[in-house]
PDB file of N, CA and C in Angstrom:
ATOM      1  N   MET A   1      -1.632-136.297 236.543  1.00  0.00           N
ATOM      2  CA  MET A   1      -2.784-136.618 235.905  1.00  0.00           C
ATOM      3  C   MET A   1      -3.891-135.805 236.296  1.00  0.00           C
ATOM      4  N   ASN A   2      -4.574-135.100 235.428  1.00  0.00           N
ATOM      5  CA  ASN A   2      -5.991-134.405 236.249  1.00  0.00           C
ATOM      6  C   ASN A   2      -6.869-135.241 236.622  1.00  0.00           C
ATOM      7  N   LYS A   3      -7.585-134.571 237.361  1.00  0.00           N
ATOM      8  CA  LYS A   3      -8.974-135.269 238.001  1.00  0.00           C
ATOM      9  C   LYS A   3      -9.885-135.794 236.855  1.00  0.00           C
ATOM     10  N   GLN A   4     -10.253-135.260 235.755  1.00  0.00           N
ATOM     11  CA  GLN A   4     -10.968-135.807 234.860  1.00  0.00           C
ATOM     12  C   GLN A   4     -10.344-137.189 234.123  1.00  0.00           C
ATOM     13  N   LYS A   5      -9.288-137.258 233.959  1.00  0.00           N
ATOM     14  CA  LYS A   5      -8.620-138.527 233.488  1.00  0.00           C
ATOM     15  C   LYS A   5      -8.585-139.409 234.501  1.00  0.00           C
ATOM     16  N   GLN A   6      -8.285-139.062 235.664  1.00  0.00           N
ATOM     17  CA  GLN A   6      -8.624-140.345 236.505  1.00  0.00           C
ATOM     18  C   GLN A   6      -9.801-140.875 236.813  1.00  0.00           C
ATOM     19  N   LEU A   7     -10.973-139.895 236.880  1.00  0.00           N
ATOM     20  CA  LEU A   7     -12.125-140.687 236.935  1.00  0.00           C
ATOM     21  C   LEU A   7     -12.701-141.330 235.625  1.00  0.00           C
ATOM     22  N   ILE A   8     -12.321-141.048 234.322  1.00  0.00           N
ATOM     23  CA  ILE A   8     -12.625-141.565 233.415  1.00  0.00           C
ATOM     24  C   ILE A   8     -11.657-142.839 233.496  1.00  0.00           C
ATOM     25  N   ASP A   9     -10.296-143.120 234.055  1.00  0.00           N
ATOM     26  CA  ASP A   9      -9.775-144.452 233.948  1.00  0.00           C
ATOM     27  C   ASP A   9     -10.446-145.291 234.663  1.00  0.00           C
ATOM     28  N   LYS A  10     -10.975-144.821 236.033  1.00  0.00           N
ATOM     29  CA  LYS A  10     -11.796-145.472 236.883  1.00  0.00           C
ATOM     30  C   LYS A  10     -12.933-146.128 236.660  1.00  0.00           C
ATOM     31  N   LEU A  11     -13.840-145.298 235.827  1.00  0.00           N
ATOM     32  CA  LEU A  11     -15.267-145.683 235.341  1.00  0.00           C
ATOM     33  C   LEU A  11     -15.013-146.489 233.937  1.00  0.00           C
ATOM     34  N   VAL A  12     -14.316-146.089 233.126  1.00  0.00           N
ATOM     35  CA  VAL A  12     -14.657-146.740 231.796  1.00  0.00           C
ATOM     36  C   VAL A  12     -13.441-147.203 230.843  1.00  0.00           C
ATOM     37  N   VAL A  13     -12.253-146.851 230.979  1.00  0.00           N
ATOM     38  CA  VAL A  13     -11.343-147.182 230.391  1.00  0.00           C
ATOM     39  C   VAL A  13     -10.906-148.831 230.921  1.00  0.00           C
ATOM     40  N   LYS A  14     -10.903-149.429 229.687  1.00  0.00           N
ATOM     41  CA  LYS A  14     -10.350-151.065 229.907  1.00  0.00           C
ATOM     42  C   LYS A  14      -9.404-151.319 229.127  1.00  0.00           C
ATOM     43  N   ASN A  15      -9.227-151.156 227.824  1.00  0.00           N
ATOM     44  CA  ASN A  15      -8.153-151.073 226.941  1.00  0.00           C
ATOM     45  C   ASN A  15      -8.660-150.513 225.806  1.00  0.00           C
ATOM     46  N   GLY A  16      -7.407-149.969 224.928  1.00  0.00           N
ATOM     47  CA  GLY A  16      -7.392-148.991 223.897  1.00  0.00           C
ATOM     48  C   GLY A  16      -7.281-147.488 224.174  1.00  0.00           C
ATOM     49  N   ASN A  17      -7.688-146.655 223.248  1.00  0.00           N
ATOM     50  CA  ASN A  17      -7.564-145.155 223.304  1.00  0.00           C
ATOM     51  C   ASN A  17      -8.879-144.729 223.380  1.00  0.00           C
ATOM     52  N   TYR A  18      -8.971-143.460 224.226  1.00  0.00           N
ATOM     53  CA  TYR A  18     -10.329-143.044 224.676  1.00  0.00           C
ATOM     54  C   TYR A  18     -10.139-141.468 224.404  1.00  0.00           C
ATOM     55  N   PHE A  19     -11.170-140.520 224.116  1.00  0.00           N
ATOM     56  CA  PHE A  19     -10.878-139.277 224.003  1.00  0.00           C
ATOM     57  C   PHE A  19     -12.291-138.620 224.442  1.00  0.00           C
ATOM     58  N   VAL A  20     -12.325-137.454 224.927  1.00  0.00           N
ATOM     59  CA  VAL A  20     -13.683-136.895 225.509  1.00  0.00           C
ATOM     60  C   VAL A  20     -13.832-135.590 224.321  1.00  0.00           C
ATOM     61  N   LEU A  21     -15.240-135.699 224.091  1.00  0.00           N
ATOM     62  CA  LEU A  21     -15.881-134.909 223.155  1.00  0.00           C
ATOM     63  C   LEU A  21     -16.969-134.220 223.858  1.00  0.00           C
ATOM     64  N   SER A  22     -16.994-132.691 223.617  1.00  0.00           N
ATOM     65  CA  SER A  22     -18.095-131.803 224.065  1.00  0.00           C
ATOM     66  C   SER A  22     -19.102-132.077 222.972  1.00  0.00           C
ATOM     67  N   CYS A  23     -20.427-131.842 223.561  1.00  0.00           N
ATOM     68  CA  CYS A  23     -21.540-132.003 222.638  1.00  0.00           C
ATOM     69  C   CYS A  23     -22.239-130.468 222.629  1.00  0.00           C
ATOM     70  N   ILE A  24     -22.284-130.085 221.046  1.00  0.00           N
ATOM     71  CA  ILE A  24     -22.929-128.682 221.234  1.00  0.00           C
ATOM     72  C   ILE A  24     -24.150-128.402 220.690  1.00  0.00           C
ATOM     73  N   ASP A  25     -25.072-129.514 220.649  1.00  0.00           N
ATOM     74  CA  ASP A  25     -26.327-129.266 220.073  1.00  0.00           C
ATOM     75  C   ASP A  25     -27.279-130.227 220.782  1.00  0.00           C
ATOM     76  N   ASN A  26     -28.591-130.417 220.655  1.00  0.00           N
ATOM     77  CA  ASN A  26     -29.566-131.074 221.375  1.00  0.00           C
ATOM     78  C   ASN A  26     -29.762-132.284 220.610  1.00  0.00           C
ATOM     79  N   SER A  27     -29.292-132.855 219.329  1.00  0.00           N
ATOM     80  CA  SER A  27     -29.661-133.814 218.844  1.00  0.00           C
ATOM     81  C   SER A  27     -29.715-135.301 219.405  1.00  0.00           C
ATOM     82  N   MET A  28     -29.340-135.635 220.305  1.00  0.00           N
ATOM     83  CA  MET A  28     -29.054-136.800 221.032  1.00  0.00           C
ATOM     84  C   MET A  28     -29.830-136.500 222.382  1.00  0.00           C
ATOM     85  N   GLU A  29     -30.552-135.493 222.574  1.00  0.00           N
ATOM     86  CA  GLU A  29     -31.555-135.343 223.920  1.00  0.00           C
ATOM     87  C   GLU A  29     -32.783-136.345 223.469  1.00  0.00           C
ATOM     88  N   PRO A  30     -33.251-136.903 224.598  1.00  0.00           N
ATOM     89  CA  PRO A  30     -32.601-136.784 225.756  1.00  0.00           C
ATOM     90  C   PRO A  30     -31.789-137.649 226.420  1.00  0.00           C
ATOM     91  N   THR A  31     -30.860-138.574 225.344  1.00  0.00           N
ATOM     92  CA  THR A  31     -29.928-139.402 226.235  1.00  0.00           C
ATOM     93  C   THR A  31     -28.614-138.383 226.356  1.00  0.00           C
ATOM     94  N   ILE A  32     -28.287-137.841 225.411  1.00  0.00           N
ATOM     95  CA  ILE A  32     -27.189-136.849 225.827  1.00  0.00           C
ATOM     96  C   ILE A  32     -27.303-135.569 225.702  1.00  0.00           C
ATOM     97  N   ALA A  33     -27.355-134.825 226.980  1.00  0.00           N
ATOM     98  CA  ALA A  33     -27.667-133.466 227.128  1.00  0.00           C
ATOM     99  C   ALA A  33     -26.615-132.457 226.475  1.00  0.00           C
ATOM    100  N   ASN A  34     -27.306-131.233 225.715  1.00  0.00           N
ATOM    101  CA  ASN A  34     -26.346-130.260 225.108  1.00  0.00           C
ATOM    102  C   ASN A  34     -25.273-129.799 226.042  1.00  0.00           C
ATOM    103  N   GLY A  35     -24.178-129.807 225.644  1.00  0.00           N
ATOM    104  CA  GLY A  35     -23.324-129.078 226.589  1.00  0.00           C
ATOM    105  C   GLY A  35     -22.547-130.408 227.366  1.00  0.00           C
ATOM    106  N   SER A  36     -22.819-131.539 227.591  1.00  0.00           N
ATOM    107  CA  SER A  36     -22.364-132.687 228.274  1.00  0.00           C
ATOM    108  C   SER A  36     -21.122-133.080 227.444  1.00  0.00           C
ATOM    109  N   GLN A  37     -19.949-133.575 228.059  1.00  0.00           N
ATOM    110  CA  GLN A  37     -18.891-133.999 227.424  1.00  0.00           C
ATOM    111  C   GLN A  37     -19.304-135.808 227.371  1.00  0.00           C
ATOM    112  N   VAL A  38     -18.766-136.359 226.353  1.00  0.00           N
ATOM    113  CA  VAL A  38     -18.906-137.840 226.273  1.00  0.00           C
ATOM    114  C   VAL A  38     -17.161-138.529 226.217  1.00  0.00           C
ATOM    115  N   VAL A  39     -17.022-139.505 226.881  1.00  0.00           N
ATOM    116  CA  VAL A  39     -15.952-140.500 226.561  1.00  0.00           C
ATOM    117  C   VAL A  39     -16.208-141.259 225.524  1.00  0.00           C
ATOM    118  N   VAL A  40     -15.405-141.112 224.774  1.00  0.00           N
ATOM    119  CA  VAL A  40     -15.405-142.217 223.069  1.00  0.00           C
ATOM    120  C   VAL A  40     -14.301-142.928 223.088  1.00  0.00           C
ATOM    121  N   HIS A  41     -14.477-144.482 222.911  1.00  0.00           N
ATOM    122  CA  HIS A  41     -13.477-145.357 222.834  1.00  0.00           C
ATOM    123  C   HIS A  41     -13.344-145.146 221.187  1.00  0.00           C
ATOM    124  N   GLU A  42     -11.913-145.182 220.953  1.00  0.00           N
ATOM    125  CA  GLU A  42     -11.653-145.229 219.660  1.00  0.00           C
ATOM    126  C   GLU A  42     -11.776-146.582 219.044  1.00  0.00           C
ATOM    127  N   GLN A  43     -12.489-146.566 217.914  1.00  0.00           N
ATOM    128  CA  GLN A  43     -12.742-147.724 217.381  1.00  0.00           C
ATOM    129  C   GLN A  43     -13.312-147.512 215.645  1.00  0.00           C
ATOM    130  N   PRO A  44     -12.910-148.267 214.606  1.00  0.00           N
ATOM    131  CA  PRO A  44     -13.495-147.993 213.474  1.00  0.00           C
ATOM    132  C   PRO A  44     -14.806-148.481 213.054  1.00  0.00           C
ATOM    133  N   ASP A  45     -15.299-149.274 213.844  1.00  0.00           N
ATOM    134  CA  ASP A  45     -16.794-149.866 213.695  1.00  0.00           C
ATOM    135  C   ASP A  45     -17.758-149.656 214.827  1.00  0.00           C
ATOM    136  N   ALA A  46     -19.047-149.784 214.577  1.00  0.00           N
ATOM    137  CA  ALA A  46     -20.026-149.808 215.336  1.00  0.00           C
ATOM    138  C   ALA A  46     -20.982-150.662 215.312  1.00  0.00           C
ATOM    139  N   GLU A  47     -21.841-151.096 216.158  1.00  0.00           N
ATOM    140  CA  GLU A  47     -23.022-152.164 216.173  1.00  0.00           C
ATOM    141  C   GLU A  47     -23.966-151.486 215.730  1.00  0.00           C
ATOM    142  N   ASN A  48     -25.285-151.869 215.384  1.00  0.00           N
ATOM    143  CA  ASN A  48     -26.375-151.197 215.278  1.00  0.00           C
ATOM    144  C   ASN A  48     -26.961-150.842 216.636  1.00  0.00           C
ATOM    145  N   GLY A  49     -27.422-149.769 216.716  1.00  0.00           N
ATOM    146  CA  GLY A  49     -27.888-149.043 217.958  1.00  0.00           C
ATOM    147  C   GLY A  49     -26.963-148.423 218.811  1.00  0.00           C
ATOM    148  N   GLN A  50     -25.511-148.542 218.504  1.00  0.00           N
ATOM    149  CA  GLN A  50     -24.583-147.947 219.380  1.00  0.00           C
ATOM    150  C   GLN A  50     -24.637-146.316 218.755  1.00  0.00           C
ATOM    151  N   ILE A  51     -24.192-145.395 219.698  1.00  0.00           N
ATOM    152  CA  ILE A  51     -23.833-144.106 219.461  1.00  0.00           C
ATOM    153  C   ILE A  51     -22.558-143.913 219.212  1.00  0.00           C
ATOM    154  N   ALA A  52     -22.117-143.212 217.920  1.00  0.00           N
ATOM    155  CA  ALA A  52     -20.808-143.279 217.583  1.00  0.00           C
ATOM    156  C   ALA A  52     -20.416-141.827 216.957  1.00  0.00           C
ATOM    157  N   VAL A  53     -19.307-141.678 217.151  1.00  0.00           N
ATOM    158  CA  VAL A  53     -18.906-140.513 216.648  1.00  0.00           C
ATOM    159  C   VAL A  53     -18.193-140.631 215.210  1.00  0.00           C
ATOM    160  N   VAL A  54     -18.989-139.916 214.266  1.00  0.00           N
ATOM    161  CA  VAL A  54     -18.904-139.981 212.933  1.00  0.00           C
ATOM    162  C   VAL A  54     -18.249-138.911 212.396  1.00  0.00           C
ATOM    163  N   LEU A  55     -17.080-139.027 211.713  1.00  0.00           N
ATOM    164  CA  LEU A  55     -16.505-137.992 210.925  1.00  0.00           C
ATOM    165  C   LEU A  55     -17.083-137.756 209.135  1.00  0.00           C
ATOM    166  N   PHE A  56     -17.515-136.884 208.888  1.00  0.00           N
ATOM    167  CA  PHE A  56     -17.900-136.608 207.346  1.00  0.00           C
ATOM    168  C   PHE A  56     -16.608-136.223 206.768  1.00  0.00           C
ATOM    169  N   GLU A  57     -16.137-137.040 205.475  1.00  0.00           N
ATOM    170  CA  GLU A  57     -15.061-136.587 204.743  1.00  0.00           C
ATOM    171  C   GLU A  57     -15.170-135.425 203.845  1.00  0.00           C
ATOM    172  N   ASP A  58     -16.498-135.245 203.603  1.00  0.00           N
ATOM    173  CA  ASP A  58     -16.515-134.102 202.617  1.00  0.00           C
ATOM    174  C   ASP A  58     -16.530-132.612 203.508  1.00  0.00           C
ATOM    175  N   GLU A  59     -17.015-132.581 204.554  1.00  0.00           N
ATOM    176  CA  GLU A  59     -17.202-131.338 205.187  1.00  0.00           C
ATOM    177  C   GLU A  59     -16.351-131.177 206.507  1.00  0.00           C
ATOM    178  N   ASN A  60     -15.498-132.065 206.714  1.00  0.00           N
ATOM    179  CA  ASN A  60     -14.342-132.117 208.096  1.00  0.00           C
ATOM    180  C   ASN A  60     -15.006-131.810 209.249  1.00  0.00           C
ATOM    181  N   THR A  61     -16.402-132.117 209.495  1.00  0.00           N
ATOM    182  CA  THR A  61     -17.104-132.038 210.548  1.00  0.00           C
ATOM    183  C   THR A  61     -17.356-133.145 211.325  1.00  0.00           C
ATOM    184  N   ALA A  62     -17.517-133.463 212.389  1.00  0.00           N
ATOM    185  CA  ALA A  62     -18.227-134.893 213.157  1.00  0.00           C
ATOM    186  C   ALA A  62     -19.743-134.606 213.677  1.00  0.00           C
ATOM    187  N   THR A  63     -20.117-135.693 213.926  1.00  0.00           N
ATOM    188  CA  THR A  63     -21.412-135.872 214.507  1.00  0.00           C
ATOM    189  C   THR A  63     -21.293-136.917 215.647  1.00  0.00           C
ATOM    190  N   LEU A  64     -22.360-137.188 216.248  1.00  0.00           N
ATOM    191  CA  LEU A  64     -22.503-137.729 217.368  1.00  0.00           C
ATOM    192  C   LEU A  64     -24.187-138.490 217.041  1.00  0.00           C
ATOM    193  N   LYS A  65     -24.152-139.536 216.752  1.00  0.00           N
ATOM    194  CA  LYS A  65     -25.538-140.415 216.199  1.00  0.00           C
ATOM    195  C   LYS A  65     -25.468-141.756 216.741  1.00  0.00           C
ATOM    196  N   ARG A  66     -26.795-142.240 216.378  1.00  0.00           N
ATOM    197  CA  ARG A  66     -26.916-143.723 216.657  1.00  0.00           C
ATOM    198  C   ARG A  66     -26.687-144.312 215.133  1.00  0.00           C
ATOM    199  N   ILE A  67     -26.111-145.526 215.002  1.00  0.00           N
ATOM    200  CA  ILE A  67     -25.766-146.275 213.722  1.00  0.00           C
ATOM    201  C   ILE A  67     -26.563-147.400 213.657  1.00  0.00           C
ATOM    202  N   LYS A  68     -27.147-147.242 212.346  1.00  0.00           N
ATOM    203  CA  LYS A  68     -27.884-148.423 211.924  1.00  0.00           C
ATOM    204  C   LYS A  68     -27.430-148.565 210.391  1.00  0.00           C
ATOM    205  N   LYS A  69     -26.906-150.101 210.012  1.00  0.00           N
ATOM    206  CA  LYS A  69     -26.117-150.484 208.998  1.00  0.00           C
ATOM    207  C   LYS A  69     -27.379-151.178 207.749  1.00  0.00           C
ATOM    208  N   THR A  70     -27.439-150.706 206.733  1.00  0.00           N
ATOM    209  CA  THR A  70     -28.086-151.160 205.749  1.00  0.00           C
ATOM    210  C   THR A  70     -27.417-151.872 204.558  1.00  0.00           C
ATOM    211  N   LYS A  71     -28.203-152.378 203.747  1.00  0.00           N
ATOM    212  CA  LYS A  71     -27.319-153.128 202.500  1.00  0.00           C
ATOM    213  C   LYS A  71     -26.812-152.051 201.702  1.00  0.00           C
ATOM    214  N   THR A  72     -27.235-150.927 201.662  1.00  0.00           N
ATOM    215  CA  THR A  72     -26.577-149.835 200.841  1.00  0.00           C
ATOM    216  C   THR A  72     -25.890-148.618 201.458  1.00  0.00           C
ATOM    217  N   GLY A  73     -25.740-148.710 202.688  1.00  0.00           N
ATOM    218  CA  GLY A  73     -24.998-147.662 203.584  1.00  0.00           C
ATOM    219  C   GLY A  73     -25.099-147.735 205.020  1.00  0.00           C
ATOM    220  N   VAL A  74     -25.039-146.552 205.496  1.00  0.00           N
ATOM    221  CA  VAL A  74     -25.310-146.483 207.014  1.00  0.00           C
ATOM    222  C   VAL A  74     -26.379-145.257 207.404  1.00  0.00           C
ATOM    223  N   ILE A  75     -27.240-145.443 208.244  1.00  0.00           N
ATOM    224  CA  ILE A  75     -28.466-144.390 208.480  1.00  0.00           C
ATOM    225  C   ILE A  75     -27.925-143.800 209.994  1.00  0.00           C
ATOM    226  N   LEU A  76     -27.692-142.531 210.234  1.00  0.00           N
ATOM    227  CA  LEU A  76     -27.249-141.817 211.356  1.00  0.00           C
ATOM    228  C   LEU A  76     -28.405-141.407 211.985  1.00  0.00           C
ATOM    229  N   THR A  77     -28.944-141.782 213.219  1.00  0.00           N
ATOM    230  CA  THR A  77     -30.095-141.146 213.763  1.00  0.00           C
ATOM    231  C   THR A  77     -30.125-140.447 215.127  1.00  0.00           C
ATOM    232  N   SER A  78     -30.732-139.492 215.262  1.00  0.00           N
ATOM    233  CA  SER A  78     -30.679-138.598 216.533  1.00  0.00           C
ATOM    234  C   SER A  78     -31.745-139.321 217.211  1.00  0.00           C
ATOM    235  N   ASP A  79     -31.619-139.058 218.712  1.00  0.00           N
ATOM    236  CA  ASP A  79     -32.314-139.469 219.675  1.00  0.00           C
ATOM    237  C   ASP A  79     -33.374-138.419 219.604  1.00  0.00           C
ATOM    238  N   ASN A  80     -33.265-137.249 219.221  1.00  0.00           N
ATOM    239  CA  ASN A  80     -34.196-136.235 219.144  1.00  0.00           C
ATOM    240  C   ASN A  80     -35.000-136.225 218.032  1.00  0.00           C
ATOM    241  N   SER A  81     -36.242-136.354 217.904  1.00  0.00           N
ATOM    242  CA  SER A  81     -37.178-136.429 216.820  1.00  0.00           C
ATOM    243  C   SER A  81     -37.041-135.365 215.956  1.00  0.00           C
ATOM    244  N   GLU A  82     -36.749-134.297 216.221  1.00  0.00           N
ATOM    245  CA  GLU A  82     -36.831-132.924 215.610  1.00  0.00           C
ATOM    246  C   GLU A  82     -35.701-133.047 214.223  1.00  0.00           C
ATOM    247  N   TYR A  83     -34.812-133.969 214.552  1.00  0.00           N
ATOM    248  CA  TYR A  83     -33.520-134.156 213.577  1.00  0.00           C
ATOM    249  C   TYR A  83     -34.147-135.296 212.687  1.00  0.00           C
ATOM    250  N   GLU A  84     -33.690-134.865 211.169  1.00  0.00           N
ATOM    251  CA  GLU A  84     -33.691-135.806 210.136  1.00  0.00           C
ATOM    252  C   GLU A  84     -32.831-136.981 210.166  1.00  0.00           C
ATOM    253  N   PRO A  85     -32.927-137.983 209.936  1.00  0.00           N
ATOM    254  CA  PRO A  85     -31.598-139.381 209.926  1.00  0.00           C
ATOM    255  C   PRO A  85     -30.442-138.457 208.480  1.00  0.00           C
ATOM    256  N   ILE A  86     -29.366-139.032 208.656  1.00  0.00           N
ATOM    257  CA  ILE A  86     -28.396-138.523 207.827  1.00  0.00           C
ATOM    258  C   ILE A  86     -27.955-140.123 207.161  1.00  0.00           C
ATOM    259  N   ILE A  87     -28.047-140.105 205.918  1.00  0.00           N
ATOM    260  CA  ILE A  87     -27.733-141.510 205.211  1.00  0.00           C
ATOM    261  C   ILE A  87     -25.971-141.448 204.617  1.00  0.00           C
ATOM    262  N   LEU A  88     -25.672-142.418 205.135  1.00  0.00           N
ATOM    263  CA  LEU A  88     -24.281-142.170 204.652  1.00  0.00           C
ATOM    264  C   LEU A  88     -23.941-143.308 203.279  1.00  0.00           C
ATOM    265  N   ASN A  89     -23.572-143.191 202.089  1.00  0.00           N
ATOM    266  CA  ASN A  89     -23.320-144.240 201.241  1.00  0.00           C
ATOM    267  C   ASN A  89     -22.234-143.342 200.386  1.00  0.00           C
ATOM    268  N   LYS A  90     -22.233-144.042 198.998  1.00  0.00           N
ATOM    269  CA  LYS A  90     -21.139-143.657 197.897  1.00  0.00           C
ATOM    270  C   LYS A  90     -21.190-142.129 197.893  1.00  0.00           C
ATOM    271  N   ASP A  91     -22.351-141.475 197.904  1.00  0.00           N
ATOM    272  CA  ASP A  91     -22.339-139.790 197.624  1.00  0.00           C
ATOM    273  C   ASP A  91     -21.962-139.038 198.943  1.00  0.00           C
ATOM    274  N   LYS A  92     -22.348-139.619 200.103  1.00  0.00           N
ATOM    275  CA  LYS A  92     -21.747-138.924 201.391  1.00  0.00           C
ATOM    276  C   LYS A  92     -21.205-139.861 202.383  1.00  0.00           C
ATOM    277  N   ARG A  93     -20.056-139.756 202.404  1.00  0.00           N
ATOM    278  CA  ARG A  93     -19.158-140.522 202.908  1.00  0.00           C
ATOM    279  C   ARG A  93     -18.879-139.749 204.394  1.00  0.00           C
ATOM    280  N   GLY A  94     -18.424-141.087 205.086  1.00  0.00           N
ATOM    281  CA  GLY A  94     -18.055-140.722 206.413  1.00  0.00           C
ATOM    282  C   GLY A  94     -17.395-142.087 207.093  1.00  0.00           C
ATOM    283  N   HIS A  95     -16.748-142.035 208.417  1.00  0.00           N
ATOM    284  CA  HIS A  95     -16.119-143.051 208.855  1.00  0.00           C
ATOM    285  C   HIS A  95     -16.341-142.875 210.390  1.00  0.00           C
ATOM    286  N   ILE A  96     -16.572-143.984 210.978  1.00  0.00           N
ATOM    287  CA  ILE A  96     -16.716-143.977 212.666  1.00  0.00           C
ATOM    288  C   ILE A  96     -15.171-143.657 213.205  1.00  0.00           C
ATOM    289  N   LEU A  97     -15.270-142.798 214.158  1.00  0.00           N
ATOM    290  CA  LEU A  97     -14.358-142.468 215.002  1.00  0.00           C
ATOM    291  C   LEU A  97     -13.904-143.498 216.252  1.00  0.00           C
ATOM    292  N   GLY A  98     -15.182-143.633 216.884  1.00  0.00           N
ATOM    293  CA  GLY A  98     -15.401-144.482 218.032  1.00  0.00           C
ATOM    294  C   GLY A  98     -16.714-144.369 218.413  1.00  0.00           C
ATOM    295  N   ILE A  99     -16.737-145.139 219.896  1.00  0.00           N
ATOM    296  CA  ILE A  99     -18.355-145.409 220.198  1.00  0.00           C
ATOM    297  C   ILE A  99     -18.260-144.645 221.604  1.00  0.00           C
ATOM    298  N   VAL A 100     -19.386-144.176 222.138  1.00  0.00           N
ATOM    299  CA  VAL A 100     -19.744-143.491 223.336  1.00  0.00           C
ATOM    300  C   VAL A 100     -19.605-144.506 224.418  1.00  0.00           C
ATOM    301  N   LYS A 101     -19.112-144.303 225.369  1.00  0.00           N
ATOM    302  CA  LYS A 101     -19.086-144.957 226.624  1.00  0.00           C
ATOM    303  C   LYS A 101     -19.467-144.682 227.831  1.00  0.00           C
ATOM    304  N   MET A 102     -19.516-143.122 227.952  1.00  0.00           N
ATOM    305  CA  MET A 102     -19.990-142.809 229.136  1.00  0.00           C
ATOM    306  C   MET A 102     -20.471-141.256 228.870  1.00  0.00           C
ATOM    307  N   GLU A 103     -21.177-140.543 229.395  1.00  0.00           N
ATOM    308  CA  GLU A 103     -21.762-139.093 229.628  1.00  0.00           C
ATOM    309  C   GLU A 103     -21.278-138.558 230.601  1.00  0.00           C
ATOM    310  N   MET A 104     -20.659-137.379 230.474  1.00  0.00           N
ATOM    311  CA  MET A 104     -20.455-136.651 231.863  1.00  0.00           C
ATOM    312  C   MET A 104     -21.233-135.314 231.721  1.00  0.00           C
ATOM    313  N   LYS A 105     -22.074-135.081 233.072  1.00  0.00           N
ATOM    314  CA  LYS A 105     -22.779-133.662 232.807  1.00  0.00           C
ATOM    315  C   LYS A 105     -22.124-132.564 233.812  1.00  0.00           C
ATOM    316  N   ARG A 106     -22.314-131.402 233.490  1.00  0.00           N
ATOM    317  CA  ARG A 106     -21.923-130.467 234.614  1.00  0.00           C
ATOM    318  C   ARG A 106     -22.991-129.874 235.367  1.00  0.00           C
ATOM    319  N   PHE A 107     -22.890-129.813 236.609  1.00  0.00           N
ATOM    320  CA  PHE A 107     -24.239-129.276 237.571  1.00  0.00           C
ATOM    321  C   PHE A 107     -23.742-128.090 238.214  1.00  0.00           C
TER     322      PHE A 107
END
């Protein structure tokens, strides 16, 4: 077992499946730094305000954003105000892969 998995097991893993995702932009700064890795708990839903990994169906890409559910869809917001919100609805579809449980930074 590698050291990273052992650390994750001790700190955040309770029940369920987890994966590690590398962040490649600054859209979630200052909360999550560019280049950090996050531990994600696999689950198909998220509460308002939680940071989730969302897979866009039409682009085959994923993003890391805060969730806000509305009557007409879901708004994905960055913590970095330089980024515009993304609205998921019948025209732009996506689904939640999981929620962020921990950030790991390299020093």
